[in-house]
C-alpha atoms as a PDB file:
ATOM      1  CA  MET A   1     129.449 115.502 165.597  1.00  0.00           C
ATOM      2  CA  ASP A   2     130.698 118.460 163.498  1.00  0.00           C
ATOM      3  CA  GLU A   3     129.268 121.975 163.789  1.00  0.00           C
ATOM      4  CA  SER A   4     127.022 121.720 160.716  1.00  0.00           C
ATOM      5  CA  LYS A   5     125.343 118.565 162.028  1.00  0.00           C
ATOM      6  CA  LYS A   6     124.941 120.111 165.480  1.00  0.00           C
ATOM      7  CA  LEU A   7     123.304 123.174 163.918  1.00  0.00           C
ATOM      8  CA  ALA A   8     120.990 121.014 161.798  1.00  0.00           C
ATOM      9  CA  LYS A   9     119.953 118.973 164.846  1.00  0.00           C
ATOM     10  CA  LYS A  10     119.388 122.129 166.887  1.00  0.00           C
ATOM     11  CA  THR A  11     117.203 123.520 164.109  1.00  0.00           C
ATOM     12  CA  LEU A  12     115.143 120.326 163.910  1.00  0.00           C
ATOM     13  CA  ASP A  13     114.774 120.279 167.693  1.00  0.00           C
ATOM     14  CA  ARG A  14     113.529 123.878 167.652  1.00  0.00           C
ATOM     15  CA  GLY A  15     110.954 123.012 164.996  1.00  0.00           C
ATOM     16  CA  PHE A  16     109.814 119.951 166.934  1.00  0.00           C
ATOM     17  CA  TRP A  17     109.254 121.867 170.174  1.00  0.00           C
ATOM     18  CA  LEU A  18     107.439 124.699 168.413  1.00  0.00           C
ATOM     19  CA  ALA A  19     105.076 122.172 166.794  1.00  0.00           C
ATOM     20  CA  PHE A  20     104.792 120.335 170.119  1.00  0.00           C
ATOM     21  CA  CYS A  21     103.709 123.533 171.891  1.00  0.00           C
ATOM     22  CA  ALA A  22     101.219 124.352 169.107  1.00  0.00           C
ATOM     23  CA  SER A  23      99.613 120.923 169.376  1.00  0.00           C
ATOM     24  CA  ALA A  24      99.535 121.167 173.183  1.00  0.00           C
ATOM     25  CA  LEU A  25      97.796 124.550 172.954  1.00  0.00           C
ATOM     26  CA  TRP A  26      95.147 123.032 170.674  1.00  0.00           C
ATOM     27  CA  GLY A  27      94.681 120.351 173.298  1.00  0.00           C
ATOM     28  CA  VAL A  28      94.266 122.981 176.016  1.00  0.00           C
ATOM     29  CA  SER A  29      91.794 124.827 173.798  1.00  0.00           C
ATOM     30  CA  GLY A  30      89.716 121.669 173.348  1.00  0.00           C
ATOM     31  CA  THR A  31      89.412 121.237 177.102  1.00  0.00           C
ATOM     32  CA  VAL A  32      88.481 124.883 177.660  1.00  0.00           C
ATOM     33  CA  LEU A  33      85.975 124.623 174.816  1.00  0.00           C
ATOM     34  CA  GLN A  34      84.112 121.938 176.770  1.00  0.00           C
ATOM     35  CA  PHE A  35      83.759 124.375 179.665  1.00  0.00           C
ATOM     36  CA  VAL A  36      82.505 127.068 177.260  1.00  0.00           C
ATOM     37  CA  ALA A  37      80.108 124.767 175.378  1.00  0.00           C
ATOM     38  CA  LYS A  38      78.608 122.994 178.377  1.00  0.00           C
ATOM     39  CA  ASN A  39      78.693 125.503 181.215  1.00  0.00           C
ATOM     40  CA  LEU A  40      78.254 128.894 179.571  1.00  0.00           C
ATOM     41  CA  ASN A  41      75.075 130.042 177.879  1.00  0.00           C
ATOM     42  CA  ILE A  42      76.833 131.222 174.716  1.00  0.00           C
ATOM     43  CA  PRO A  43      75.116 130.827 171.305  1.00  0.00           C
ATOM     44  CA  THR A  44      77.130 128.700 168.887  1.00  0.00           C
ATOM     45  CA  MET A  45      77.224 131.156 165.988  1.00  0.00           C
ATOM     46  CA  TRP A  46      77.984 134.091 168.305  1.00  0.00           C
ATOM     47  CA  PHE A  47      80.948 132.214 169.743  1.00  0.00           C
ATOM     48  CA  ILE A  48      82.260 131.048 166.362  1.00  0.00           C
ATOM     49  CA  GLY A  49      81.749 134.464 164.799  1.00  0.00           C
ATOM     50  CA  THR A  50      83.544 136.246 167.631  1.00  0.00           C
ATOM     51  CA  ARG A  51      86.347 133.683 167.680  1.00  0.00           C
ATOM     52  CA  THR A  52      87.038 133.783 163.938  1.00  0.00           C
ATOM     53  CA  LEU A  53      86.628 137.545 163.621  1.00  0.00           C
ATOM     54  CA  ILE A  54      89.115 138.355 166.398  1.00  0.00           C
ATOM     55  CA  ALA A  55      91.545 135.598 165.368  1.00  0.00           C
ATOM     56  CA  GLY A  56      91.397 136.733 161.723  1.00  0.00           C
ATOM     57  CA  ILE A  57      92.132 140.354 162.621  1.00  0.00           C
ATOM     58  CA  LEU A  58      95.052 139.393 164.878  1.00  0.00           C
ATOM     59  CA  LEU A  59      96.589 136.989 162.339  1.00  0.00           C
ATOM     60  CA  LEU A  60      96.295 139.559 159.556  1.00  0.00           C
ATOM     61  CA  ALA A  61      97.881 142.174 161.830  1.00  0.00           C
ATOM     62  CA  VAL A  62     100.849 139.844 162.342  1.00  0.00           C
ATOM     63  CA  GLY A  63     101.018 139.217 158.589  1.00  0.00           C
ATOM     64  CA  LEU A  64     100.957 142.958 157.879  1.00  0.00           C
ATOM     65  CA  VAL A  65     103.937 143.458 160.176  1.00  0.00           C
ATOM     66  CA  VAL A  66     106.167 140.526 159.229  1.00  0.00           C
ATOM     67  CA  LEU A  67     105.352 139.938 155.548  1.00  0.00           C
ATOM     68  CA  PRO A  68     105.916 142.114 152.454  1.00  0.00           C
ATOM     69  CA  LYS A  69     103.039 144.581 151.964  1.00  0.00           C
ATOM     70  CA  LYS A  70     102.562 143.515 148.328  1.00  0.00           C
ATOM     71  CA  GLU A  71     101.519 140.025 149.488  1.00  0.00           C
ATOM     72  CA  PHE A  72      98.748 141.230 151.805  1.00  0.00           C
ATOM     73  CA  PHE A  73      95.922 141.475 149.227  1.00  0.00           C
ATOM     74  CA  ALA A  74      97.514 139.236 146.574  1.00  0.00           C
ATOM     75  CA  VAL A  75      95.003 136.375 146.986  1.00  0.00           C
ATOM     76  CA  PHE A  76      92.118 138.698 146.019  1.00  0.00           C
ATOM     77  CA  LYS A  77      93.681 139.507 142.651  1.00  0.00           C
ATOM     78  CA  ASN A  78      93.086 135.991 141.319  1.00  0.00           C
ATOM     79  CA  LYS A  79      89.404 134.993 140.995  1.00  0.00           C
ATOM     80  CA  LYS A  80      90.053 131.259 141.274  1.00  0.00           C
ATOM     81  CA  ASP A  81      92.247 131.705 144.347  1.00  0.00           C
ATOM     82  CA  PHE A  82      89.660 133.987 145.961  1.00  0.00           C
ATOM     83  CA  LEU A  83      86.891 131.411 145.430  1.00  0.00           C
ATOM     84  CA  THR A  84      89.157 128.739 146.911  1.00  0.00           C
ATOM     85  CA  LEU A  85      89.741 131.007 149.906  1.00  0.00           C
ATOM     86  CA  VAL A  86      85.980 131.419 150.407  1.00  0.00           C
ATOM     87  CA  SER A  87      85.526 127.635 150.137  1.00  0.00           C
ATOM     88  CA  PHE A  88      88.222 127.173 152.773  1.00  0.00           C
ATOM     89  CA  SER A  89      86.466 129.695 155.028  1.00  0.00           C
ATOM     90  CA  VAL A  90      83.018 128.104 154.699  1.00  0.00           C
ATOM     91  CA  PHE A  91      83.610 124.364 154.275  1.00  0.00           C
ATOM     92  CA  GLY A  92      86.889 124.180 156.206  1.00  0.00           C
ATOM     93  CA  LEU A  93      87.101 126.710 159.027  1.00  0.00           C
ATOM     94  CA  LEU A  94      83.457 127.566 159.687  1.00  0.00           C
ATOM     95  CA  ALA A  95      82.114 124.037 159.200  1.00  0.00           C
ATOM     96  CA  ASN A  96      84.885 122.504 161.306  1.00  0.00           C
ATOM     97  CA  MET A  97      84.397 124.882 164.225  1.00  0.00           C
ATOM     98  CA  PHE A  98      80.629 124.388 164.097  1.00  0.00           C
ATOM     99  CA  THR A  99      80.756 120.574 164.055  1.00  0.00           C
ATOM    100  CA  PHE A 100      83.523 120.367 166.672  1.00  0.00           C
ATOM    101  CA  PHE A 101      81.668 122.748 169.001  1.00  0.00           C
ATOM    102  CA  HIS A 102      78.544 120.562 168.850  1.00  0.00           C
ATOM    103  CA  ALA A 103      80.582 117.357 169.195  1.00  0.00           C
ATOM    104  CA  VAL A 104      81.964 118.749 172.455  1.00  0.00           C
ATOM    105  CA  LYS A 105      78.631 120.195 173.589  1.00  0.00           C
ATOM    106  CA  THR A 106      76.711 116.943 173.074  1.00  0.00           C
ATOM    107  CA  GLY A 107      79.553 114.670 174.184  1.00  0.00           C
ATOM    108  CA  ASN A 108      82.970 115.542 175.591  1.00  0.00           C
ATOM    109  CA  SER A 109      86.150 117.228 174.384  1.00  0.00           C
ATOM    110  CA  SER A 110      88.309 114.097 174.641  1.00  0.00           C
ATOM    111  CA  THR A 111      86.199 111.935 172.316  1.00  0.00           C
ATOM    112  CA  ALA A 112      85.487 114.873 169.995  1.00  0.00           C
ATOM    113  CA  THR A 113      89.222 115.548 169.639  1.00  0.00           C
ATOM    114  CA  ILE A 114      89.963 111.916 168.796  1.00  0.00           C
ATOM    115  CA  LEU A 115      87.186 111.828 166.181  1.00  0.00           C
ATOM    116  CA  GLN A 116      88.479 115.056 164.645  1.00  0.00           C
ATOM    117  CA  TYR A 117      91.971 113.531 164.731  1.00  0.00           C
ATOM    118  CA  LEU A 118      90.738 110.992 162.151  1.00  0.00           C
ATOM    119  CA  SER A 119      90.976 113.654 159.423  1.00  0.00           C
ATOM    120  CA  PRO A 120      93.936 111.926 157.644  1.00  0.00           C
ATOM    121  CA  LEU A 121      91.711 108.854 157.187  1.00  0.00           C
ATOM    122  CA  PHE A 122      89.023 110.982 155.571  1.00  0.00           C
ATOM    123  CA  ILE A 123      91.668 112.575 153.339  1.00  0.00           C
ATOM    124  CA  MET A 124      92.767 109.072 152.321  1.00  0.00           C
ATOM    125  CA  ILE A 125      89.169 107.995 151.610  1.00  0.00           C
ATOM    126  CA  GLY A 126      88.547 111.171 149.607  1.00  0.00           C
ATOM    127  CA  ALA A 127      91.677 110.554 147.538  1.00  0.00           C
ATOM    128  CA  ILE A 128      90.557 106.990 146.810  1.00  0.00           C
ATOM    129  CA  ILE A 129      87.050 108.106 145.779  1.00  0.00           C
ATOM    130  CA  PHE A 130      87.814 111.276 143.823  1.00  0.00           C
ATOM    131  CA  THR A 131      91.316 110.701 142.441  1.00  0.00           C
ATOM    132  CA  LYS A 132      91.149 106.903 142.044  1.00  0.00           C
ATOM    133  CA  LYS A 133      94.207 106.522 144.244  1.00  0.00           C
ATOM    134  CA  LYS A 134      95.206 102.908 144.713  1.00  0.00           C
ATOM    135  CA  THR A 135      94.662 101.592 148.218  1.00  0.00           C
ATOM    136  CA  SER A 136      97.903 100.468 149.841  1.00  0.00           C
ATOM    137  CA  ARG A 137      98.303  97.911 152.583  1.00  0.00           C
ATOM    138  CA  VAL A 138      99.264 100.678 155.008  1.00  0.00           C
ATOM    139  CA  ASP A 139      96.036 102.563 154.185  1.00  0.00           C
ATOM    140  CA  VAL A 140      93.881  99.525 154.894  1.00  0.00           C
ATOM    141  CA  ILE A 141      95.732  98.543 158.079  1.00  0.00           C
ATOM    142  CA  SER A 142      95.618 102.129 159.397  1.00  0.00           C
ATOM    143  CA  PHE A 143      91.884 102.366 158.674  1.00  0.00           C
ATOM    144  CA  VAL A 144      91.066  99.089 160.429  1.00  0.00           C
ATOM    145  CA  ILE A 145      93.258  99.875 163.453  1.00  0.00           C
ATOM    146  CA  ALA A 146      91.781 103.372 163.802  1.00  0.00           C
ATOM    147  CA  LEU A 147      88.263 101.973 163.536  1.00  0.00           C
ATOM    148  CA  ILE A 148      88.975  99.511 166.362  1.00  0.00           C
ATOM    149  CA  GLY A 149      90.336 102.354 168.482  1.00  0.00           C
ATOM    150  CA  VAL A 150      87.286 104.547 167.851  1.00  0.00           C
ATOM    151  CA  VAL A 151      84.919 101.700 168.755  1.00  0.00           C
ATOM    152  CA  LEU A 152      86.777 101.175 172.038  1.00  0.00           C
ATOM    153  CA  MET A 153      86.592 104.897 172.805  1.00  0.00           C
ATOM    154  CA  ILE A 154      82.920 105.478 172.079  1.00  0.00           C
ATOM    155  CA  THR A 155      81.840 102.248 173.838  1.00  0.00           C
ATOM    156  CA  ARG A 156      84.492 102.295 176.591  1.00  0.00           C
ATOM    157  CA  GLY A 157      84.909  98.563 176.032  1.00  0.00           C
ATOM    158  CA  ASP A 158      81.211  97.703 176.377  1.00  0.00           C
ATOM    159  CA  LEU A 159      80.104  97.000 172.807  1.00  0.00           C
ATOM    160  CA  GLY A 160      76.468  96.869 173.889  1.00  0.00           C
ATOM    161  CA  HIS A 161      76.044 100.634 174.174  1.00  0.00           C
ATOM    162  CA  LEU A 162      77.675 103.971 173.376  1.00  0.00           C
ATOM    163  CA  SER A 163      79.351 105.977 176.135  1.00  0.00           C
ATOM    164  CA  ILE A 164      78.291 109.227 174.432  1.00  0.00           C
ATOM    165  CA  PRO A 165      75.077 110.122 172.546  1.00  0.00           C
ATOM    166  CA  PHE A 166      74.980 108.925 168.936  1.00  0.00           C
ATOM    167  CA  ILE A 167      74.472 112.517 167.773  1.00  0.00           C
ATOM    168  CA  SER A 168      77.822 113.369 169.359  1.00  0.00           C
ATOM    169  CA  VAL A 169      79.475 110.604 167.337  1.00  0.00           C
ATOM    170  CA  LEU A 170      77.934 112.061 164.164  1.00  0.00           C
ATOM    171  CA  TRP A 171      79.101 115.583 165.039  1.00  0.00           C
ATOM    172  CA  GLY A 172      82.573 114.174 165.789  1.00  0.00           C
ATOM    173  CA  ILE A 173      82.756 112.375 162.451  1.00  0.00           C
ATOM    174  CA  GLY A 174      81.578 115.599 160.824  1.00  0.00           C
ATOM    175  CA  SER A 175      84.417 117.472 162.530  1.00  0.00           C
ATOM    176  CA  GLY A 176      86.875 114.881 161.177  1.00  0.00           C
ATOM    177  CA  ILE A 177      85.537 115.307 157.628  1.00  0.00           C
ATOM    178  CA  THR A 178      85.570 119.117 157.828  1.00  0.00           C
ATOM    179  CA  ALA A 179      89.070 119.005 159.355  1.00  0.00           C
ATOM    180  CA  ALA A 180      90.118 117.062 156.248  1.00  0.00           C
ATOM    181  CA  LEU A 181      88.648 119.872 154.108  1.00  0.00           C
ATOM    182  CA  TYR A 182      90.386 122.420 156.344  1.00  0.00           C
ATOM    183  CA  ILE A 183      93.698 120.717 155.536  1.00  0.00           C
ATOM    184  CA  THR A 184      93.248 119.985 151.830  1.00  0.00           C
ATOM    185  CA  ILE A 185      91.367 123.004 150.398  1.00  0.00           C
ATOM    186  CA  PRO A 186      94.002 125.697 151.148  1.00  0.00           C
ATOM    187  CA  GLN A 187      97.132 123.644 150.358  1.00  0.00           C
ATOM    188  CA  LYS A 188      97.827 125.311 147.000  1.00  0.00           C
ATOM    189  CA  LEU A 189      96.999 128.747 148.410  1.00  0.00           C
ATOM    190  CA  ILE A 190      99.419 128.323 151.317  1.00  0.00           C
ATOM    191  CA  ALA A 191     102.145 127.179 148.912  1.00  0.00           C
ATOM    192  CA  LYS A 192     101.493 130.175 146.633  1.00  0.00           C
ATOM    193  CA  TYR A 193     100.953 132.873 149.254  1.00  0.00           C
ATOM    194  CA  HIS A 194     101.586 132.464 153.013  1.00  0.00           C
ATOM    195  CA  GLY A 195      99.951 130.400 155.741  1.00  0.00           C
ATOM    196  CA  ILE A 196      99.430 133.353 158.089  1.00  0.00           C
ATOM    197  CA  LEU A 197      97.642 135.416 155.430  1.00  0.00           C
ATOM    198  CA  ILE A 198      95.498 132.573 154.078  1.00  0.00           C
ATOM    199  CA  THR A 199      94.378 131.529 157.555  1.00  0.00           C
ATOM    200  CA  GLY A 200      93.930 135.153 158.612  1.00  0.00           C
ATOM    201  CA  TRP A 201      91.731 136.010 155.628  1.00  0.00           C
ATOM    202  CA  GLY A 202      89.930 132.690 155.987  1.00  0.00           C
ATOM    203  CA  MET A 203      89.163 133.415 159.637  1.00  0.00           C
ATOM    204  CA  LEU A 204      88.018 136.953 158.853  1.00  0.00           C
ATOM    205  CA  ILE A 205      85.683 135.795 156.076  1.00  0.00           C
ATOM    206  CA  ALA A 206      84.319 133.007 158.308  1.00  0.00           C
ATOM    207  CA  GLY A 207      83.770 135.586 161.044  1.00  0.00           C
ATOM    208  CA  LEU A 208      81.899 137.953 158.729  1.00  0.00           C
ATOM    209  CA  ILE A 209      79.677 135.115 157.478  1.00  0.00           C
ATOM    210  CA  SER A 210      78.973 133.949 161.045  1.00  0.00           C
ATOM    211  CA  ASN A 211      77.967 137.476 162.003  1.00  0.00           C
ATOM    212  CA  LEU A 212      75.316 137.455 159.296  1.00  0.00           C
ATOM    213  CA  PHE A 213      73.519 134.803 161.379  1.00  0.00           C
ATOM    214  CA  ASN A 214      74.337 136.172 164.822  1.00  0.00           C
ATOM    215  CA  PRO A 215      76.016 139.624 164.900  1.00  0.00           C
ATOM    216  CA  PHE A 216      78.309 139.865 167.928  1.00  0.00           C
ATOM    217  CA  TRP A 217      76.631 143.113 169.024  1.00  0.00           C
ATOM    218  CA  VAL A 218      73.058 141.704 168.924  1.00  0.00           C
ATOM    219  CA  ASN A 219      71.797 139.715 171.921  1.00  0.00           C
ATOM    220  CA  ALA A 220      75.375 139.235 173.114  1.00  0.00           C
ATOM    221  CA  PRO A 221      75.588 136.846 176.085  1.00  0.00           C
ATOM    222  CA  LYS A 222      76.300 138.256 179.520  1.00  0.00           C
ATOM    223  CA  MET A 223      80.033 137.853 179.928  1.00  0.00           C
ATOM    224  CA  THR A 224      81.415 136.974 183.341  1.00  0.00           C
ATOM    225  CA  ALA A 225      85.079 136.766 184.302  1.00  0.00           C
ATOM    226  CA  GLY A 226      84.951 132.997 183.690  1.00  0.00           C
ATOM    227  CA  SER A 227      83.375 133.297 180.253  1.00  0.00           C
ATOM    228  CA  ILE A 228      85.806 136.024 179.174  1.00  0.00           C
ATOM    229  CA  LEU A 229      88.727 133.867 180.325  1.00  0.00           C
ATOM    230  CA  GLY A 230      87.333 130.784 178.568  1.00  0.00           C
ATOM    231  CA  VAL A 231      86.534 132.485 175.269  1.00  0.00           C
ATOM    232  CA  GLY A 232      89.799 134.447 175.390  1.00  0.00           C
ATOM    233  CA  THR A 233      91.834 131.273 175.941  1.00  0.00           C
ATOM    234  CA  VAL A 234      90.246 129.538 172.949  1.00  0.00           C
ATOM    235  CA  ILE A 235      90.813 132.578 170.722  1.00  0.00           C
ATOM    236  CA  LEU A 236      94.279 133.713 171.792  1.00  0.00           C
ATOM    237  CA  LEU A 237      95.992 130.489 172.830  1.00  0.00           C
ATOM    238  CA  GLY A 238      94.071 127.820 170.922  1.00  0.00           C
ATOM    239  CA  THR A 239      93.664 129.741 167.674  1.00  0.00           C
ATOM    240  CA  VAL A 240      96.109 132.611 167.150  1.00  0.00           C
ATOM    241  CA  LEU A 241      99.203 131.541 169.113  1.00  0.00           C
ATOM    242  CA  ALA A 242      98.871 127.825 168.280  1.00  0.00           C
ATOM    243  CA  PHE A 243      98.668 128.521 164.565  1.00  0.00           C
ATOM    244  CA  LEU A 244     101.575 130.979 164.590  1.00  0.00           C
ATOM    245  CA  LEU A 245     103.789 128.459 166.410  1.00  0.00           C
ATOM    246  CA  MET A 246     102.858 125.716 163.943  1.00  0.00           C
ATOM    247  CA  VAL A 247     103.594 127.952 160.935  1.00  0.00           C
ATOM    248  CA  ILE A 248     106.978 128.941 162.394  1.00  0.00           C
ATOM    249  CA  SER A 249     107.806 125.287 163.165  1.00  0.00           C
ATOM    250  CA  THR A 250     107.497 124.307 159.488  1.00  0.00           C
ATOM    251  CA  LYS A 251     110.500 126.545 158.728  1.00  0.00           C
ATOM    252  CA  TYR A 252     112.733 124.477 160.996  1.00  0.00           C
ATOM    253  CA  THR A 253     111.578 120.886 160.647  1.00  0.00           C
ATOM    254  CA  THR A 254     109.965 118.351 158.324  1.00  0.00           C
ATOM    255  CA  ALA A 255     106.329 117.382 157.788  1.00  0.00           C
ATOM    256  CA  ALA A 256     107.091 113.912 159.181  1.00  0.00           C
ATOM    257  CA  ILE A 257     108.341 115.364 162.469  1.00  0.00           C
ATOM    258  CA  VAL A 258     105.407 117.797 162.673  1.00  0.00           C
ATOM    259  CA  SER A 259     103.017 114.866 162.197  1.00  0.00           C
ATOM    260  CA  ILE A 260     104.514 113.203 165.287  1.00  0.00           C
ATOM    261  CA  THR A 261     103.522 116.187 167.431  1.00  0.00           C
ATOM    262  CA  ASP A 262      99.888 115.931 166.265  1.00  0.00           C
ATOM    263  CA  ALA A 263      99.412 113.194 168.869  1.00  0.00           C
ATOM    264  CA  VAL A 264     100.073 115.717 171.647  1.00  0.00           C
ATOM    265  CA  GLN A 265      96.681 117.376 171.086  1.00  0.00           C
ATOM    266  CA  PRO A 266      94.333 114.462 171.935  1.00  0.00           C
ATOM    267  CA  PHE A 267      96.546 113.328 174.819  1.00  0.00           C
ATOM    268  CA  THR A 268      96.616 116.859 176.246  1.00  0.00           C
ATOM    269  CA  THR A 269      92.844 117.135 175.999  1.00  0.00           C
ATOM    270  CA  LEU A 270      92.349 113.728 177.614  1.00  0.00           C
ATOM    271  CA  ILE A 271      94.716 114.435 180.511  1.00  0.00           C
ATOM    272  CA  LEU A 272      93.320 117.916 181.195  1.00  0.00           C
ATOM    273  CA  SER A 273      89.749 116.607 180.999  1.00  0.00           C
ATOM    274  CA  VAL A 274      90.557 114.033 183.678  1.00  0.00           C
ATOM    275  CA  ILE A 275      92.304 116.583 185.926  1.00  0.00           C
ATOM    276  CA  PHE A 276      90.082 119.649 185.584  1.00  0.00           C
ATOM    277  CA  LEU A 277      86.746 118.391 184.248  1.00  0.00           C
ATOM    278  CA  HIS A 278      86.725 115.213 186.377  1.00  0.00           C
ATOM    279  CA  TYR A 279      86.280 113.068 183.280  1.00  0.00           C
ATOM    280  CA  ALA A 280      86.196 109.413 184.371  1.00  0.00           C
ATOM    281  CA  VAL A 281      88.347 107.558 181.879  1.00  0.00           C
ATOM    282  CA  ASN A 282      88.705 103.768 181.844  1.00  0.00           C
ATOM    283  CA  LEU A 283      91.393 101.466 180.487  1.00  0.00           C
ATOM    284  CA  ALA A 284      89.506 100.532 177.311  1.00  0.00           C
ATOM    285  CA  GLU A 285      89.115 104.204 176.420  1.00  0.00           C
ATOM    286  CA  VAL A 286      92.803 104.919 176.946  1.00  0.00           C
ATOM    287  CA  ILE A 287      93.743 101.886 174.833  1.00  0.00           C
ATOM    288  CA  GLY A 288      91.339 103.072 172.128  1.00  0.00           C
ATOM    289  CA  ALA A 289      92.866 106.559 172.109  1.00  0.00           C
ATOM    290  CA  VAL A 290      96.392 105.136 171.879  1.00  0.00           C
ATOM    291  CA  ILE A 291      95.355 102.816 169.019  1.00  0.00           C
ATOM    292  CA  VAL A 292      93.829 105.703 167.046  1.00  0.00           C
ATOM    293  CA  ILE A 293      96.901 107.884 167.550  1.00  0.00           C
ATOM    294  CA  ILE A 294      99.241 105.079 166.453  1.00  0.00           C
ATOM    295  CA  ALA A 295      97.134 104.393 163.354  1.00  0.00           C
ATOM    296  CA  ILE A 296      97.076 108.051 162.307  1.00  0.00           C
ATOM    297  CA  TYR A 297     100.791 108.414 163.024  1.00  0.00           C
ATOM    298  CA  VAL A 298     101.576 105.432 160.777  1.00  0.00           C
ATOM    299  CA  LEU A 299      99.366 106.850 158.017  1.00  0.00           C
ATOM    300  CA  ASN A 300     100.902 110.330 158.312  1.00  0.00           C
ATOM    301  CA  ARG A 301     104.457 109.007 158.415  1.00  0.00           C
ATOM    302  CA  TYR A 302     103.877 106.763 155.396  1.00  0.00           C
ATOM    303  CA  ASP A 303     102.317 109.579 153.337  1.00  0.00           C
ATOM    304  CA  THR A 304     105.015 112.122 154.192  1.00  0.00           C
ATOM    305  CA  GLU A 305     107.975 109.907 153.415  1.00  0.00           C
END
C-alpha cells in the first residue's frame, strides 16, 4: 500500500472512530436520561430548557472561537433561513427532546432509543407522501423488517401484550418522527452555514422558548450531587461533546461510514441499561433490536450510495 492510500485509510479510520465515540456518547446519555427522568423530581420543561440553553451557549462559544467571525450571525441576515432555523428549534430539537424524555419516563431508555432510531423510516415515508418519491424494493423490505423488530421489542416475543405502556410506544414513535424533522429541516442551513452554528443557535432558541414555560430560576428543583452529575452528563457528554465529535468526523469520512456508527447508540443504551439499571432483557428483545438496526443500516447505506 503506497503512502497516499495509507493516509486516506488513516483519515477514514479517524472519522469512523470519532463518529463511533459520538454515537456511544449518545447511548450513554440515553441511559443517564432514564435515571434523570425516572428517579429525579425534575420538571420536563425545566430540564429541556436548561439542557438546550447551556448546550447552545457552549456550542456557540466553540463556533465563535474556531469559525470566522463573519459567519456567526449570518443565518439571521436571511429571513427565510431564520424562519427555517426557528422551525428546526421548535419542531426538531425541542419537540424531539420533549417526546424522547417522555418515552423514557413512561417506558425505558432502551426501547425509546430504538423507536427514535426509526427516524430514517419516517424520512422515507415523508418523502413518499410529500415528494411523490417512488417506493423501491429496499424501502419496502427495510420497513417490513424494522416493523417486525419493533414488534418483537415492545412485546418481548409475547404478542398478546406490550412490555411497556402503550403511551410510551406513542411517545417513542413521536421521538422518531421529530428526530426525522431534526435531521431534515436544517440540512440546507448546515450546507450553507456550519453545523456547529446552526445547532448552537437552534439549541439556544429552543432553550429560550422552553424558559418561557418554565424559567430555570423559578421553582428550580433541589439539586443533589446525583442530579447535578446526571443532568451535567446529558448536557456535556450527550449533547455538546457528542455533537462536536460527529461534526468533526464528517470532515474525515463518508456519510455511509457515519451511518454504520449510528447502530452504536442503541446497543450502548441497551448494554448500559442491563448493567447499571438492572434492565431484564430477553432473547426476543435482543433479536428485535438487532433486526431494527440491520433494517435501518440497509436503508441508510442504500440512500447514501
